[in-house]
Amino acid sequence: MAAPVEFETIRRNKVYEEVARQIQNHILERLKPGDVLPPEREMAQKFGVSRSSVRDAIRSLELVGLLEPQQGRGTVVCEPSSDTLVGPLAAILVQKRRLVGELLDVRKIIEPPLARRAALHATAAQIAEMEQILQRHSGKVRSGEMAIEEDSEFHYRIALAADNSVILRIVDVLMDMLRDTRQRSLQTSGRAQKSLAGHQRILAALKRRDPVASESAMLRHLEEIEHIVLPTH
């Protein structure tokens, strides 16, 4: 007999992943090994999604060993092992770490030369805007607030000063992709102060119109962020 399970209606984004998450929670909290899931059609109706989304969710849970298809019975709950529970989480963490590492690599490729170019092309008005951003940044750091907007805006202003519309769009995408990481990393002890100090060094080099020092200061700043966000130990 199929085990009775109550589900929530699913939002449209990443449908099968959300279905899989809910099924996994029910398996761990309410079901026991040997219980049979309801038919795909019934679950699709309860979730408010397509049968293909339910099927994809079930396959993903079969791959990690939480479910098993059995001839004549349907989809059966397996005995969860420590590997079953830890494996998917570890895979997610490894993937997220890899993505952040790759994004930081891209930043080290793009942003130091941008700082070099900005030292040669930035207008006095643009330099003044950067100074204002860092004043707000400094005020937030002193009061213990996160300066996520100022952190992003400073790097965006450098890209703007480099005077290349294509690069500006690339940096825009990078800032969006890094927003979640920036929000979490700025909560790390000392990260906000270190970020501000890095920005101040970059601005000082830009004000001197020193392209080499500007490039070097940006690279140092990004490497410091990397050590905080992706510690090696």
C-alpha atoms as a PDB file:
ATOM      1  CA  MET A   1       0.000   0.000   0.000  1.00  0.00           C
ATOM      2  CA  ALA A   2       1.365   3.431  -0.943  1.00  0.00           C
ATOM      3  CA  ALA A   3       2.391   5.590   2.002  1.00  0.00           C
ATOM      4  CA  PRO A   4       0.241   8.740   2.429  1.00  0.00           C
ATOM      5  CA  VAL A   5       2.331  11.847   1.891  1.00  0.00           C
ATOM      6  CA  GLU A   6       1.385  15.529   1.936  1.00  0.00           C
ATOM      7  CA  PHE A   7       3.227  17.888  -0.399  1.00  0.00           C
ATOM      8  CA  GLU A   8       3.393  21.629  -1.000  1.00  0.00           C
ATOM      9  CA  THR A   9       2.690  23.242  -4.373  1.00  0.00           C
ATOM     10  CA  ILE A  10       5.978  23.851  -6.190  1.00  0.00           C
ATOM     11  CA  ARG A  11       7.219  27.180  -7.581  1.00  0.00           C
ATOM     12  CA  ARG A  12       8.162  27.079 -11.253  1.00  0.00           C
ATOM     13  CA  ASN A  13      11.909  27.714 -10.915  1.00  0.00           C
ATOM     14  CA  LYS A  14      14.092  24.577 -10.634  1.00  0.00           C
ATOM     15  CA  VAL A  15      10.982  22.435 -10.386  1.00  0.00           C
ATOM     16  CA  TYR A  16      12.456  18.941 -10.264  1.00  0.00           C
ATOM     17  CA  GLU A  17      15.093  19.960  -7.682  1.00  0.00           C
ATOM     18  CA  GLU A  18      12.407  21.310  -5.377  1.00  0.00           C
ATOM     19  CA  VAL A  19      10.301  18.169  -5.890  1.00  0.00           C
ATOM     20  CA  ALA A  20      13.344  16.044  -5.042  1.00  0.00           C
ATOM     21  CA  ARG A  21      14.011  18.120  -1.925  1.00  0.00           C
ATOM     22  CA  GLN A  22      10.485  17.630  -0.620  1.00  0.00           C
ATOM     23  CA  ILE A  23      10.457  13.907  -1.391  1.00  0.00           C
ATOM     24  CA  GLN A  24      13.823  13.527   0.348  1.00  0.00           C
ATOM     25  CA  ASN A  25      12.547  15.357   3.431  1.00  0.00           C
ATOM     26  CA  HIS A  26       9.508  13.067   3.620  1.00  0.00           C
ATOM     27  CA  ILE A  27      11.708  10.006   3.222  1.00  0.00           C
ATOM     28  CA  LEU A  28      13.968  11.079   6.072  1.00  0.00           C
ATOM     29  CA  GLU A  29      11.230  12.374   8.378  1.00  0.00           C
ATOM     30  CA  ARG A  30       8.150  10.234   7.778  1.00  0.00           C
ATOM     31  CA  LEU A  31       8.792   7.171   5.666  1.00  0.00           C
ATOM     32  CA  LYS A  32      10.671   3.989   6.422  1.00  0.00           C
ATOM     33  CA  PRO A  33      12.621   1.542   4.252  1.00  0.00           C
ATOM     34  CA  GLY A  34      10.247  -0.544   2.160  1.00  0.00           C
ATOM     35  CA  ASP A  35       7.529   2.129   1.919  1.00  0.00           C
ATOM     36  CA  VAL A  36       6.300   2.753  -1.615  1.00  0.00           C
ATOM     37  CA  LEU A  37       5.920   6.228  -3.058  1.00  0.00           C
ATOM     38  CA  PRO A  38       2.575   7.201  -4.595  1.00  0.00           C
ATOM     39  CA  PRO A  39       2.343   6.846  -8.404  1.00  0.00           C
ATOM     40  CA  GLU A  40       4.015   9.571 -10.474  1.00  0.00           C
ATOM     41  CA  ARG A  41       0.666  10.857 -11.759  1.00  0.00           C
ATOM     42  CA  GLU A  42      -0.699  11.262  -8.226  1.00  0.00           C
ATOM     43  CA  MET A  43       2.436  13.058  -7.005  1.00  0.00           C
ATOM     44  CA  ALA A  44       2.410  15.335 -10.052  1.00  0.00           C
ATOM     45  CA  GLN A  45      -1.151  16.387  -9.178  1.00  0.00           C
ATOM     46  CA  LYS A  46      -0.296  16.985  -5.520  1.00  0.00           C
ATOM     47  CA  PHE A  47       2.835  18.965  -6.356  1.00  0.00           C
ATOM     48  CA  GLY A  48       1.133  20.855  -9.175  1.00  0.00           C
ATOM     49  CA  VAL A  49       3.911  19.990 -11.646  1.00  0.00           C
ATOM     50  CA  SER A  50       4.369  17.826 -14.729  1.00  0.00           C
ATOM     51  CA  ARG A  51       4.978  14.075 -14.508  1.00  0.00           C
ATOM     52  CA  SER A  52       8.376  14.592 -16.146  1.00  0.00           C
ATOM     53  CA  SER A  53       9.443  16.846 -13.232  1.00  0.00           C
ATOM     54  CA  VAL A  54       8.396  14.153 -10.750  1.00  0.00           C
ATOM     55  CA  ARG A  55      10.186  11.514 -12.820  1.00  0.00           C
ATOM     56  CA  ASP A  56      13.395  13.570 -12.913  1.00  0.00           C
ATOM     57  CA  ALA A  57      13.204  14.129  -9.145  1.00  0.00           C
ATOM     58  CA  ILE A  58      12.762  10.405  -8.501  1.00  0.00           C
ATOM     59  CA  ARG A  59      15.689   9.535 -10.793  1.00  0.00           C
ATOM     60  CA  SER A  60      17.935  12.002  -8.946  1.00  0.00           C
ATOM     61  CA  LEU A  61      17.031  10.343  -5.622  1.00  0.00           C
ATOM     62  CA  GLU A  62      17.594   6.895  -7.099  1.00  0.00           C
ATOM     63  CA  LEU A  63      21.094   7.977  -8.118  1.00  0.00           C
ATOM     64  CA  VAL A  64      21.986   8.877  -4.530  1.00  0.00           C
ATOM     65  CA  GLY A  65      20.501   5.665  -3.135  1.00  0.00           C
ATOM     66  CA  LEU A  66      17.364   6.954  -1.397  1.00  0.00           C
ATOM     67  CA  LEU A  67      14.905   5.279  -3.765  1.00  0.00           C
ATOM     68  CA  GLU A  68      14.851   2.081  -5.788  1.00  0.00           C
ATOM     69  CA  PRO A  69      12.488   0.999  -8.594  1.00  0.00           C
ATOM     70  CA  GLN A  70      11.094  -2.497  -7.956  1.00  0.00           C
ATOM     71  CA  GLN A  71       9.242  -4.542 -10.544  1.00  0.00           C
ATOM     72  CA  GLY A  72       5.586  -4.919  -9.648  1.00  0.00           C
ATOM     73  CA  ARG A  73       5.784  -2.597  -6.611  1.00  0.00           C
ATOM     74  CA  GLY A  74       6.842   0.819  -7.854  1.00  0.00           C
ATOM     75  CA  THR A  75       9.365   3.214  -6.318  1.00  0.00           C
ATOM     76  CA  VAL A  76      10.525   1.919  -2.937  1.00  0.00           C
ATOM     77  CA  VAL A  77      12.272   3.782  -0.120  1.00  0.00           C
ATOM     78  CA  CYS A  78      15.756   2.439   0.653  1.00  0.00           C
ATOM     79  CA  GLU A  79      17.617   2.297   3.953  1.00  0.00           C
ATOM     80  CA  PRO A  80      19.568   5.595   4.050  1.00  0.00           C
ATOM     81  CA  SER A  81      23.249   5.227   4.783  1.00  0.00           C
ATOM     82  CA  SER A  82      25.633   7.938   5.978  1.00  0.00           C
ATOM     83  CA  ASP A  83      27.083   8.071   2.462  1.00  0.00           C
ATOM     84  CA  THR A  84      23.595   8.527   1.030  1.00  0.00           C
ATOM     85  CA  LEU A  85      22.912  11.514   3.278  1.00  0.00           C
ATOM     86  CA  VAL A  86      26.323  13.157   3.184  1.00  0.00           C
ATOM     87  CA  GLY A  87      27.144  12.473  -0.467  1.00  0.00           C
ATOM     88  CA  PRO A  88      24.687  14.895  -2.110  1.00  0.00           C
ATOM     89  CA  LEU A  89      25.496  17.647   0.382  1.00  0.00           C
ATOM     90  CA  ALA A  90      29.220  17.188  -0.166  1.00  0.00           C
ATOM     91  CA  ALA A  91      28.710  17.263  -3.924  1.00  0.00           C
ATOM     92  CA  ILE A  92      26.741  20.522  -3.666  1.00  0.00           C
ATOM     93  CA  LEU A  93      29.415  22.120  -1.473  1.00  0.00           C
ATOM     94  CA  VAL A  94      32.219  21.003  -3.796  1.00  0.00           C
ATOM     95  CA  GLN A  95      30.343  22.311  -6.832  1.00  0.00           C
ATOM     96  CA  LYS A  96      29.624  25.648  -5.155  1.00  0.00           C
ATOM     97  CA  ARG A  97      33.253  26.001  -4.081  1.00  0.00           C
ATOM     98  CA  ARG A  98      34.397  25.207  -7.623  1.00  0.00           C
ATOM     99  CA  LEU A  99      32.043  27.817  -9.104  1.00  0.00           C
ATOM    100  CA  VAL A 100      33.208  30.504  -6.659  1.00  0.00           C
ATOM    101  CA  GLY A 101      36.821  29.616  -7.399  1.00  0.00           C
ATOM    102  CA  GLU A 102      36.226  29.895 -11.125  1.00  0.00           C
ATOM    103  CA  LEU A 103      34.473  33.244 -10.729  1.00  0.00           C
ATOM    104  CA  LEU A 104      37.400  34.567  -8.695  1.00  0.00           C
ATOM    105  CA  ASP A 105      39.774  33.324 -11.397  1.00  0.00           C
ATOM    106  CA  VAL A 106      37.778  35.268 -13.985  1.00  0.00           C
ATOM    107  CA  ARG A 107      37.928  38.355 -11.792  1.00  0.00           C
ATOM    108  CA  LYS A 108      41.729  38.046 -11.512  1.00  0.00           C
ATOM    109  CA  ILE A 109      41.948  37.783 -15.286  1.00  0.00           C
ATOM    110  CA  ILE A 110      39.666  40.757 -15.996  1.00  0.00           C
ATOM    111  CA  GLU A 111      39.791  43.275 -13.160  1.00  0.00           C
ATOM    112  CA  PRO A 112      43.532  44.004 -12.682  1.00  0.00           C
ATOM    113  CA  PRO A 113      43.911  45.073 -16.353  1.00  0.00           C
ATOM    114  CA  LEU A 114      40.692  47.071 -15.944  1.00  0.00           C
ATOM    115  CA  ALA A 115      42.239  48.932 -13.027  1.00  0.00           C
ATOM    116  CA  ARG A 116      45.331  49.611 -15.154  1.00  0.00           C
ATOM    117  CA  ARG A 117      43.127  50.993 -17.926  1.00  0.00           C
ATOM    118  CA  ALA A 118      41.028  53.018 -15.455  1.00  0.00           C
ATOM    119  CA  ALA A 119      44.169  54.740 -14.176  1.00  0.00           C
ATOM    120  CA  LEU A 120      44.676  56.104 -17.679  1.00  0.00           C
ATOM    121  CA  HIS A 121      41.059  56.863 -18.609  1.00  0.00           C
ATOM    122  CA  ALA A 122      39.165  57.780 -15.412  1.00  0.00           C
ATOM    123  CA  THR A 123      37.845  61.331 -15.319  1.00  0.00           C
ATOM    124  CA  ALA A 124      38.157  63.551 -12.262  1.00  0.00           C
ATOM    125  CA  ALA A 125      34.399  63.149 -11.746  1.00  0.00           C
ATOM    126  CA  GLN A 126      34.692  59.364 -11.771  1.00  0.00           C
ATOM    127  CA  ILE A 127      37.527  59.443  -9.246  1.00  0.00           C
ATOM    128  CA  ALA A 128      35.391  61.710  -7.049  1.00  0.00           C
ATOM    129  CA  GLU A 129      32.492  59.220  -7.278  1.00  0.00           C
ATOM    130  CA  MET A 130      34.799  56.413  -6.162  1.00  0.00           C
ATOM    131  CA  GLU A 131      35.907  58.508  -3.194  1.00  0.00           C
ATOM    132  CA  GLN A 132      32.276  59.067  -2.206  1.00  0.00           C
ATOM    133  CA  ILE A 133      31.582  55.327  -2.442  1.00  0.00           C
ATOM    134  CA  LEU A 134      34.526  54.580  -0.146  1.00  0.00           C
ATOM    135  CA  GLN A 135      33.367  57.226   2.321  1.00  0.00           C
ATOM    136  CA  ARG A 136      30.012  55.445   2.569  1.00  0.00           C
ATOM    137  CA  HIS A 137      31.832  52.113   2.714  1.00  0.00           C
ATOM    138  CA  SER A 138      34.032  53.343   5.569  1.00  0.00           C
ATOM    139  CA  GLY A 139      31.031  54.668   7.500  1.00  0.00           C
ATOM    140  CA  LYS A 140      29.250  51.316   7.262  1.00  0.00           C
ATOM    141  CA  VAL A 141      32.343  49.392   8.360  1.00  0.00           C
ATOM    142  CA  ARG A 142      32.733  51.648  11.402  1.00  0.00           C
ATOM    143  CA  SER A 143      29.092  51.086  12.375  1.00  0.00           C
ATOM    144  CA  GLY A 144      29.315  47.327  11.846  1.00  0.00           C
ATOM    145  CA  GLU A 145      27.056  47.289   8.776  1.00  0.00           C
ATOM    146  CA  MET A 146      27.670  45.233   5.646  1.00  0.00           C
ATOM    147  CA  ALA A 147      28.652  47.353   2.648  1.00  0.00           C
ATOM    148  CA  ILE A 148      27.509  45.011  -0.109  1.00  0.00           C
ATOM    149  CA  GLU A 149      26.254  47.762  -2.409  1.00  0.00           C
ATOM    150  CA  GLU A 150      29.367  49.897  -1.949  1.00  0.00           C
ATOM    151  CA  ASP A 151      31.631  46.879  -2.504  1.00  0.00           C
ATOM    152  CA  SER A 152      29.930  46.068  -5.807  1.00  0.00           C
ATOM    153  CA  GLU A 153      29.599  49.697  -6.872  1.00  0.00           C
ATOM    154  CA  PHE A 154      33.288  50.434  -6.411  1.00  0.00           C
ATOM    155  CA  HIS A 155      34.316  47.615  -8.755  1.00  0.00           C
ATOM    156  CA  TYR A 156      31.609  48.604 -11.226  1.00  0.00           C
ATOM    157  CA  ARG A 157      32.858  52.208 -11.248  1.00  0.00           C
ATOM    158  CA  ILE A 158      36.354  51.022 -12.122  1.00  0.00           C
ATOM    159  CA  ALA A 159      34.923  49.054 -15.044  1.00  0.00           C
ATOM    160  CA  LEU A 160      32.959  52.135 -16.065  1.00  0.00           C
ATOM    161  CA  ALA A 161      36.117  54.267 -15.912  1.00  0.00           C
ATOM    162  CA  ALA A 162      37.934  51.759 -18.136  1.00  0.00           C
ATOM    163  CA  ASP A 163      35.610  52.998 -20.900  1.00  0.00           C
ATOM    164  CA  ASN A 164      34.719  49.705 -22.607  1.00  0.00           C
ATOM    165  CA  SER A 165      31.026  48.853 -22.937  1.00  0.00           C
ATOM    166  CA  VAL A 166      31.581  45.132 -23.597  1.00  0.00           C
ATOM    167  CA  ILE A 167      33.724  44.659 -20.500  1.00  0.00           C
ATOM    168  CA  LEU A 168      31.177  46.653 -18.523  1.00  0.00           C
ATOM    169  CA  ARG A 169      28.492  44.100 -19.368  1.00  0.00           C
ATOM    170  CA  ILE A 170      30.781  41.217 -18.406  1.00  0.00           C
ATOM    171  CA  VAL A 171      31.548  42.832 -15.053  1.00  0.00           C
ATOM    172  CA  ASP A 172      27.828  43.426 -14.543  1.00  0.00           C
ATOM    173  CA  VAL A 173      27.181  39.687 -14.919  1.00  0.00           C
ATOM    174  CA  LEU A 174      30.082  38.838 -12.593  1.00  0.00           C
ATOM    175  CA  MET A 175      28.751  41.151  -9.892  1.00  0.00           C
ATOM    176  CA  ASP A 176      25.333  39.482 -10.081  1.00  0.00           C
ATOM    177  CA  MET A 177      26.828  35.988  -9.896  1.00  0.00           C
ATOM    178  CA  LEU A 178      28.970  36.935  -6.914  1.00  0.00           C
ATOM    179  CA  ARG A 179      26.241  38.738  -4.957  1.00  0.00           C
ATOM    180  CA  ASP A 180      25.416  35.756  -2.730  1.00  0.00           C
ATOM    181  CA  THR A 181      29.085  34.975  -2.085  1.00  0.00           C
ATOM    182  CA  ARG A 182      29.844  38.639  -1.343  1.00  0.00           C
ATOM    183  CA  GLN A 183      26.965  38.831   1.149  1.00  0.00           C
ATOM    184  CA  ARG A 184      28.175  35.768   3.058  1.00  0.00           C
ATOM    185  CA  SER A 185      31.885  36.556   2.892  1.00  0.00           C
ATOM    186  CA  LEU A 186      31.406  40.127   4.153  1.00  0.00           C
ATOM    187  CA  GLN A 187      30.072  38.611   7.366  1.00  0.00           C
ATOM    188  CA  THR A 188      33.413  36.859   7.917  1.00  0.00           C
ATOM    189  CA  SER A 189      35.427  38.460  10.697  1.00  0.00           C
ATOM    190  CA  GLY A 190      37.829  41.052   9.288  1.00  0.00           C
ATOM    191  CA  ARG A 191      36.582  40.701   5.701  1.00  0.00           C
ATOM    192  CA  ALA A 192      34.825  44.078   5.544  1.00  0.00           C
ATOM    193  CA  GLN A 193      37.868  45.936   6.899  1.00  0.00           C
ATOM    194  CA  LYS A 194      40.208  44.101   4.536  1.00  0.00           C
ATOM    195  CA  SER A 195      37.955  44.830   1.565  1.00  0.00           C
ATOM    196  CA  LEU A 196      37.843  48.531   2.429  1.00  0.00           C
ATOM    197  CA  ALA A 197      41.637  48.679   2.827  1.00  0.00           C
ATOM    198  CA  GLY A 198      42.043  46.998  -0.566  1.00  0.00           C
ATOM    199  CA  HIS A 199      39.718  49.496  -2.212  1.00  0.00           C
ATOM    200  CA  GLN A 200      41.568  52.395  -0.598  1.00  0.00           C
ATOM    201  CA  ARG A 201      44.899  51.144  -2.003  1.00  0.00           C
ATOM    202  CA  ILE A 202      43.352  50.811  -5.459  1.00  0.00           C
ATOM    203  CA  LEU A 203      41.881  54.299  -5.318  1.00  0.00           C
ATOM    204  CA  ALA A 204      45.162  55.804  -4.147  1.00  0.00           C
ATOM    205  CA  ALA A 205      46.921  54.283  -7.183  1.00  0.00           C
ATOM    206  CA  LEU A 206      44.150  55.476  -9.513  1.00  0.00           C
ATOM    207  CA  LYS A 207      44.436  59.022  -8.138  1.00  0.00           C
ATOM    208  CA  ARG A 208      48.191  58.951  -8.852  1.00  0.00           C
ATOM    209  CA  ARG A 209      47.332  57.850 -12.409  1.00  0.00           C
ATOM    210  CA  ASP A 210      49.709  54.927 -11.895  1.00  0.00           C
ATOM    211  CA  PRO A 211      48.554  52.031 -14.126  1.00  0.00           C
ATOM    212  CA  VAL A 212      51.086  49.500 -12.810  1.00  0.00           C
ATOM    213  CA  ALA A 213      50.287  50.209  -9.156  1.00  0.00           C
ATOM    214  CA  SER A 214      46.550  50.173  -9.883  1.00  0.00           C
ATOM    215  CA  GLU A 215      46.787  46.761 -11.537  1.00  0.00           C
ATOM    216  CA  SER A 216      48.953  45.416  -8.712  1.00  0.00           C
ATOM    217  CA  ALA A 217      46.622  46.786  -6.019  1.00  0.00           C
ATOM    218  CA  MET A 218      43.585  45.181  -7.663  1.00  0.00           C
ATOM    219  CA  LEU A 219      45.308  41.795  -7.957  1.00  0.00           C
ATOM    220  CA  ARG A 220      46.400  41.935  -4.314  1.00  0.00           C
ATOM    221  CA  HIS A 221      42.827  42.815  -3.294  1.00  0.00           C
ATOM    222  CA  LEU A 222      41.332  39.879  -5.214  1.00  0.00           C
ATOM    223  CA  GLU A 223      43.921  37.475  -3.827  1.00  0.00           C
ATOM    224  CA  GLU A 224      43.082  38.588  -0.292  1.00  0.00           C
ATOM    225  CA  ILE A 225      39.401  37.961  -0.975  1.00  0.00           C
ATOM    226  CA  GLU A 226      40.265  34.538  -2.365  1.00  0.00           C
ATOM    227  CA  HIS A 227      42.135  33.576   0.813  1.00  0.00           C
ATOM    228  CA  ILE A 228      39.073  34.511   2.884  1.00  0.00           C
ATOM    229  CA  VAL A 229      36.385  32.981   0.663  1.00  0.00           C
ATOM    230  CA  LEU A 230      38.360  29.856  -0.289  1.00  0.00           C
ATOM    231  CA  PRO A 231      40.711  29.101   2.619  1.00  0.00           C
ATOM    232  CA  THR A 232      43.247  26.402   1.801  1.00  0.00           C
ATOM    233  CA  HIS A 233      43.150  24.779   5.249  1.00  0.00           C
END
